[in-house]
Amino acid sequence: MIKEIRATQRIWRNRITTRNQLKLMDKRLLRDIGLNSIEAVNEIRKPFWKG
């Protein structure tokens, strides 16, 4: 049970970190990773518990 909770916490922290990094990317960097501005905004706006 504890392992599952910690695994979930790691996933959530990773999502928070990734979405914060997306906020800092310009259009060129977003394009390099295969996203456009609208897709990035949609991802950034998701709550951390949603994949």
Foldseek 3Di string as FASTA:
>chain_A
DVVVVVVLVVQLVVLQVVLVVLVVDDQVVCVVVPHGPVRSVVSNPDHSNDD
